[in-house]
Amino acid sequence: MKQQSERLSQQSTPSRLPRRLRPRPALVTAVAGSALCALALSACGGPASADAEPKLAVSGAYVPQPPMADMAAGYFTVTNTGGGADALTSVTSDAASSLTLMRTTSDGEMQGVKSLPIPANGKLTLSTGGNHLMLMGLKRKPTAGQSVTFELHFAKSAPVSVRVPVEPATYQPKG
């Protein structure tokens, strides 16, 4: 039995293998080196991981002067120039006791929602007749020329504070 074991171990050494089955040191080194580089890049996140983050900016914000003393609407655009999606999850303000994100359905009905998506390299637009923000329980009726402050909260990004002008009720944004 001992002789058979020695014969098997001698047969499996690289010099005893047929030439086509012998390991090639240069090939083994190249494959191992490539695998190590790939592992190192994935562990560091690589340059693509920074592009997968959302990069948000808010523009065009305004509140039309409300006809009623207890509620108003708010509009703005959140532009995402990053490669990762995000979502607007809530808005707070010192001007109202509660703010609700609203979605307008295809049949024109309004629904309160928990969040509104902001696609990667895209926009979320809150506008008249579409998605918007409802300010309820106003602490004071905002009038044209004044401003209110919104703090926008997101699923992934840090909150953004925006000073929002109050425009006349008939205001139409450009563009």
C-alpha atoms as a PDB file:
ATOM      1  CA  MET A   1       0.000   0.000   0.000  1.00  0.00           C
ATOM      2  CA  LYS A   2       2.872   2.325   0.837  1.00  0.00           C
ATOM      3  CA  GLN A   3       4.369   1.789  -2.630  1.00  0.00           C
ATOM      4  CA  GLN A   4       1.053   2.601  -4.294  1.00  0.00           C
ATOM      5  CA  SER A   5       0.780   5.855  -2.293  1.00  0.00           C
ATOM      6  CA  GLU A   6       4.315   6.891  -3.249  1.00  0.00           C
ATOM      7  CA  ARG A   7       3.609   6.129  -6.907  1.00  0.00           C
ATOM      8  CA  LEU A   8       0.458   8.314  -6.888  1.00  0.00           C
ATOM      9  CA  SER A   9       2.255  11.251  -5.247  1.00  0.00           C
ATOM     10  CA  GLN A  10       5.099  11.003  -7.752  1.00  0.00           C
ATOM     11  CA  GLN A  11       2.664  10.933 -10.674  1.00  0.00           C
ATOM     12  CA  SER A  12       0.857  14.127  -9.558  1.00  0.00           C
ATOM     13  CA  THR A  13       3.967  16.308  -9.377  1.00  0.00           C
ATOM     14  CA  PRO A  14       4.084  18.945 -12.134  1.00  0.00           C
ATOM     15  CA  SER A  15       7.182  17.454 -13.802  1.00  0.00           C
ATOM     16  CA  ARG A  16       5.385  14.123 -14.207  1.00  0.00           C
ATOM     17  CA  LEU A  17       2.199  15.650 -15.683  1.00  0.00           C
ATOM     18  CA  PRO A  18       1.820  15.777 -19.448  1.00  0.00           C
ATOM     19  CA  ARG A  19       3.085  19.135 -20.771  1.00  0.00           C
ATOM     20  CA  ARG A  20      -0.409  20.455 -21.610  1.00  0.00           C
ATOM     21  CA  LEU A  21      -1.525  19.930 -17.972  1.00  0.00           C
ATOM     22  CA  ARG A  22       1.510  21.466 -16.264  1.00  0.00           C
ATOM     23  CA  PRO A  23       0.886  24.844 -14.594  1.00  0.00           C
ATOM     24  CA  ARG A  24       2.435  27.793 -16.392  1.00  0.00           C
ATOM     25  CA  PRO A  25       3.934  30.163 -13.813  1.00  0.00           C
ATOM     26  CA  ALA A  26       3.432  33.305 -15.943  1.00  0.00           C
ATOM     27  CA  LEU A  27      -0.250  32.501 -16.535  1.00  0.00           C
ATOM     28  CA  VAL A  28      -0.881  31.661 -12.882  1.00  0.00           C
ATOM     29  CA  THR A  29       0.772  34.925 -11.819  1.00  0.00           C
ATOM     30  CA  ALA A  30      -1.235  36.987 -14.334  1.00  0.00           C
ATOM     31  CA  VAL A  31      -4.569  35.468 -13.302  1.00  0.00           C
ATOM     32  CA  ALA A  32      -3.799  35.872  -9.598  1.00  0.00           C
ATOM     33  CA  GLY A  33      -2.645  39.468 -10.137  1.00  0.00           C
ATOM     34  CA  SER A  34      -5.815  40.367 -12.064  1.00  0.00           C
ATOM     35  CA  ALA A  35      -8.017  38.850  -9.377  1.00  0.00           C
ATOM     36  CA  LEU A  36      -6.130  40.751  -6.663  1.00  0.00           C
ATOM     37  CA  CYS A  37      -6.512  44.077  -8.528  1.00  0.00           C
ATOM     38  CA  ALA A  38     -10.240  43.526  -9.047  1.00  0.00           C
ATOM     39  CA  LEU A  39     -10.687  42.717  -5.371  1.00  0.00           C
ATOM     40  CA  ALA A  40      -8.729  45.808  -4.300  1.00  0.00           C
ATOM     41  CA  LEU A  41     -10.766  48.107  -6.561  1.00  0.00           C
ATOM     42  CA  SER A  42     -14.074  46.722  -5.352  1.00  0.00           C
ATOM     43  CA  ALA A  43     -13.002  47.101  -1.713  1.00  0.00           C
ATOM     44  CA  CYS A  44     -12.089  50.756  -2.254  1.00  0.00           C
ATOM     45  CA  GLY A  45     -15.361  51.500  -3.987  1.00  0.00           C
ATOM     46  CA  GLY A  46     -13.603  52.538  -7.178  1.00  0.00           C
ATOM     47  CA  PRO A  47     -14.305  55.794  -8.985  1.00  0.00           C
ATOM     48  CA  ALA A  48     -17.819  54.715 -10.038  1.00  0.00           C
ATOM     49  CA  SER A  49     -19.138  54.536  -6.458  1.00  0.00           C
ATOM     50  CA  ALA A  50     -18.938  58.324  -5.956  1.00  0.00           C
ATOM     51  CA  ASP A  51     -21.047  58.792  -9.092  1.00  0.00           C
ATOM     52  CA  ALA A  52     -23.775  56.565  -7.633  1.00  0.00           C
ATOM     53  CA  GLU A  53     -24.581  59.147  -4.938  1.00  0.00           C
ATOM     54  CA  PRO A  54     -27.415  61.640  -5.406  1.00  0.00           C
ATOM     55  CA  LYS A  55     -26.362  65.299  -5.829  1.00  0.00           C
ATOM     56  CA  LEU A  56     -29.366  67.509  -5.135  1.00  0.00           C
ATOM     57  CA  ALA A  57     -30.128  71.179  -5.769  1.00  0.00           C
ATOM     58  CA  VAL A  58     -33.417  73.022  -5.190  1.00  0.00           C
ATOM     59  CA  SER A  59     -34.629  75.773  -7.514  1.00  0.00           C
ATOM     60  CA  GLY A  60     -37.742  77.709  -8.491  1.00  0.00           C
ATOM     61  CA  ALA A  61     -39.326  77.507  -5.034  1.00  0.00           C
ATOM     62  CA  TYR A  62     -42.355  79.687  -4.290  1.00  0.00           C
ATOM     63  CA  VAL A  63     -45.585  79.816  -2.313  1.00  0.00           C
ATOM     64  CA  PRO A  64     -48.533  81.608  -3.924  1.00  0.00           C
ATOM     65  CA  GLN A  65     -50.321  83.962  -1.549  1.00  0.00           C
ATOM     66  CA  PRO A  66     -53.151  81.757  -0.295  1.00  0.00           C
ATOM     67  CA  PRO A  67     -56.798  82.798  -0.534  1.00  0.00           C
ATOM     68  CA  MET A  68     -57.504  81.167   2.866  1.00  0.00           C
ATOM     69  CA  ALA A  69     -55.825  81.871   6.172  1.00  0.00           C
ATOM     70  CA  ASP A  70     -55.265  78.246   7.194  1.00  0.00           C
ATOM     71  CA  MET A  71     -53.653  76.507   4.179  1.00  0.00           C
ATOM     72  CA  ALA A  72     -51.298  77.173   1.290  1.00  0.00           C
ATOM     73  CA  ALA A  73     -49.387  75.293  -1.394  1.00  0.00           C
ATOM     74  CA  GLY A  74     -45.681  75.137  -2.108  1.00  0.00           C
ATOM     75  CA  TYR A  75     -43.832  74.432  -5.322  1.00  0.00           C
ATOM     76  CA  PHE A  76     -40.196  73.802  -6.270  1.00  0.00           C
ATOM     77  CA  THR A  77     -37.900  71.622  -8.348  1.00  0.00           C
ATOM     78  CA  VAL A  78     -35.271  69.250  -6.980  1.00  0.00           C
ATOM     79  CA  THR A  79     -32.600  68.481  -9.581  1.00  0.00           C
ATOM     80  CA  ASN A  80     -30.413  65.412  -9.099  1.00  0.00           C
ATOM     81  CA  THR A  81     -27.148  65.539 -11.073  1.00  0.00           C
ATOM     82  CA  GLY A  82     -25.801  62.424  -9.338  1.00  0.00           C
ATOM     83  CA  GLY A  83     -25.878  58.842 -10.512  1.00  0.00           C
ATOM     84  CA  GLY A  84     -27.961  57.619  -7.551  1.00  0.00           C
ATOM     85  CA  ALA A  85     -31.683  58.069  -7.017  1.00  0.00           C
ATOM     86  CA  ASP A  86     -33.132  59.624  -3.866  1.00  0.00           C
ATOM     87  CA  ALA A  87     -36.577  60.515  -2.548  1.00  0.00           C
ATOM     88  CA  LEU A  88     -38.109  63.544  -0.885  1.00  0.00           C
ATOM     89  CA  THR A  89     -39.535  62.122   2.327  1.00  0.00           C
ATOM     90  CA  SER A  90     -40.830  65.200   4.157  1.00  0.00           C
ATOM     91  CA  VAL A  91     -40.732  68.963   4.434  1.00  0.00           C
ATOM     92  CA  THR A  92     -40.846  71.023   7.606  1.00  0.00           C
ATOM     93  CA  SER A  93     -41.448  74.746   8.063  1.00  0.00           C
ATOM     94  CA  ASP A  94     -41.974  77.215  10.845  1.00  0.00           C
ATOM     95  CA  ALA A  95     -44.870  78.706   8.815  1.00  0.00           C
ATOM     96  CA  ALA A  96     -47.308  75.788   9.289  1.00  0.00           C
ATOM     97  CA  SER A  97     -48.112  73.103  11.824  1.00  0.00           C
ATOM     98  CA  SER A  98     -48.066  70.370   9.175  1.00  0.00           C
ATOM     99  CA  LEU A  99     -46.802  69.921   5.621  1.00  0.00           C
ATOM    100  CA  THR A 100     -47.917  67.080   3.377  1.00  0.00           C
ATOM    101  CA  LEU A 101     -46.380  65.829   0.145  1.00  0.00           C
ATOM    102  CA  MET A 102     -49.178  65.515  -2.392  1.00  0.00           C
ATOM    103  CA  ARG A 103     -49.366  63.498  -5.591  1.00  0.00           C
ATOM    104  CA  THR A 104     -51.925  64.292  -8.272  1.00  0.00           C
ATOM    105  CA  THR A 105     -53.298  61.100  -9.833  1.00  0.00           C
ATOM    106  CA  SER A 106     -54.074  60.618 -13.524  1.00  0.00           C
ATOM    107  CA  ASP A 107     -57.762  61.351 -12.830  1.00  0.00           C
ATOM    108  CA  GLY A 108     -56.869  64.665 -11.138  1.00  0.00           C
ATOM    109  CA  GLU A 109     -57.340  63.560  -7.528  1.00  0.00           C
ATOM    110  CA  MET A 110     -54.849  64.550  -4.836  1.00  0.00           C
ATOM    111  CA  GLN A 111     -53.320  61.975  -2.495  1.00  0.00           C
ATOM    112  CA  GLY A 112     -50.963  62.446   0.417  1.00  0.00           C
ATOM    113  CA  VAL A 113     -47.815  60.350  -0.031  1.00  0.00           C
ATOM    114  CA  LYS A 114     -44.912  59.356   2.230  1.00  0.00           C
ATOM    115  CA  SER A 115     -42.285  60.227  -0.385  1.00  0.00           C
ATOM    116  CA  LEU A 116     -41.734  61.414  -3.940  1.00  0.00           C
ATOM    117  CA  PRO A 117     -38.952  59.842  -6.035  1.00  0.00           C
ATOM    118  CA  ILE A 118     -36.032  61.846  -7.409  1.00  0.00           C
ATOM    119  CA  PRO A 119     -34.454  59.810 -10.215  1.00  0.00           C
ATOM    120  CA  ALA A 120     -30.712  59.658 -10.815  1.00  0.00           C
ATOM    121  CA  ASN A 121     -29.726  62.384 -13.285  1.00  0.00           C
ATOM    122  CA  GLY A 122     -33.319  63.633 -13.221  1.00  0.00           C
ATOM    123  CA  LYS A 123     -35.778  65.994 -11.548  1.00  0.00           C
ATOM    124  CA  LEU A 124     -38.679  66.065  -9.160  1.00  0.00           C
ATOM    125  CA  THR A 125     -40.973  68.969 -10.018  1.00  0.00           C
ATOM    126  CA  LEU A 126     -43.693  70.188  -7.687  1.00  0.00           C
ATOM    127  CA  SER A 127     -46.011  72.433  -9.710  1.00  0.00           C
ATOM    128  CA  THR A 128     -49.611  73.608  -9.979  1.00  0.00           C
ATOM    129  CA  GLY A 129     -51.791  70.798 -11.300  1.00  0.00           C
ATOM    130  CA  GLY A 130     -49.184  68.169 -10.380  1.00  0.00           C
ATOM    131  CA  ASN A 131     -47.241  67.003  -7.366  1.00  0.00           C
ATOM    132  CA  HIS A 132     -47.132  69.727  -4.730  1.00  0.00           C
ATOM    133  CA  LEU A 133     -46.698  70.543  -1.074  1.00  0.00           C
ATOM    134  CA  MET A 134     -49.653  71.417   1.166  1.00  0.00           C
ATOM    135  CA  LEU A 135     -49.022  73.677   4.148  1.00  0.00           C
ATOM    136  CA  MET A 136     -51.810  73.240   6.701  1.00  0.00           C
ATOM    137  CA  GLY A 137     -52.436  74.954   9.994  1.00  0.00           C
ATOM    138  CA  LEU A 138     -50.699  78.159   8.916  1.00  0.00           C
ATOM    139  CA  LYS A 139     -49.326  80.127  11.850  1.00  0.00           C
ATOM    140  CA  ARG A 140     -49.868  83.334   9.875  1.00  0.00           C
ATOM    141  CA  LYS A 141     -51.270  83.982   6.407  1.00  0.00           C
ATOM    142  CA  PRO A 142     -48.259  84.574   4.135  1.00  0.00           C
ATOM    143  CA  THR A 143     -48.583  87.599   1.845  1.00  0.00           C
ATOM    144  CA  ALA A 144     -46.748  88.503  -1.366  1.00  0.00           C
ATOM    145  CA  GLY A 145     -43.298  89.910  -0.654  1.00  0.00           C
ATOM    146  CA  GLN A 146     -42.743  87.820   2.458  1.00  0.00           C
ATOM    147  CA  SER A 147     -40.861  84.537   2.602  1.00  0.00           C
ATOM    148  CA  VAL A 148     -41.101  81.246   4.433  1.00  0.00           C
ATOM    149  CA  THR A 149     -38.416  78.662   5.099  1.00  0.00           C
ATOM    150  CA  PHE A 150     -38.683  75.015   4.075  1.00  0.00           C
ATOM    151  CA  GLU A 151     -36.387  72.258   5.263  1.00  0.00           C
ATOM    152  CA  LEU A 152     -36.472  69.385   2.783  1.00  0.00           C
ATOM    153  CA  HIS A 153     -35.680  65.892   4.092  1.00  0.00           C
ATOM    154  CA  PHE A 154     -34.517  63.061   1.848  1.00  0.00           C
ATOM    155  CA  ALA A 155     -34.116  59.287   2.080  1.00  0.00           C
ATOM    156  CA  LYS A 156     -30.347  59.413   1.434  1.00  0.00           C
ATOM    157  CA  SER A 157     -29.135  63.012   1.265  1.00  0.00           C
ATOM    158  CA  ALA A 158     -28.704  65.549   4.045  1.00  0.00           C
ATOM    159  CA  PRO A 159     -31.581  67.996   4.645  1.00  0.00           C
ATOM    160  CA  VAL A 160     -31.665  71.172   2.547  1.00  0.00           C
ATOM    161  CA  SER A 161     -32.972  74.474   3.891  1.00  0.00           C
ATOM    162  CA  VAL A 162     -34.616  76.814   1.355  1.00  0.00           C
ATOM    163  CA  ARG A 163     -35.873  80.371   1.800  1.00  0.00           C
ATOM    164  CA  VAL A 164     -39.059  80.514  -0.287  1.00  0.00           C
ATOM    165  CA  PRO A 165     -40.622  83.746  -1.555  1.00  0.00           C
ATOM    166  CA  VAL A 166     -44.369  84.295  -1.278  1.00  0.00           C
ATOM    167  CA  GLU A 167     -45.658  85.378  -4.681  1.00  0.00           C
ATOM    168  CA  PRO A 168     -49.010  86.930  -5.703  1.00  0.00           C
ATOM    169  CA  ALA A 169     -51.837  84.387  -6.123  1.00  0.00           C
ATOM    170  CA  THR A 170     -51.714  84.889  -9.913  1.00  0.00           C
ATOM    171  CA  TYR A 171     -47.948  84.259 -10.182  1.00  0.00           C
ATOM    172  CA  GLN A 172     -46.833  82.051 -13.075  1.00  0.00           C
ATOM    173  CA  PRO A 173     -43.214  80.850 -12.984  1.00  0.00           C
ATOM    174  CA  LYS A 174     -41.101  81.351 -16.110  1.00  0.00           C
ATOM    175  CA  GLY A 175     -40.226  78.346 -18.200  1.00  0.00           C
END
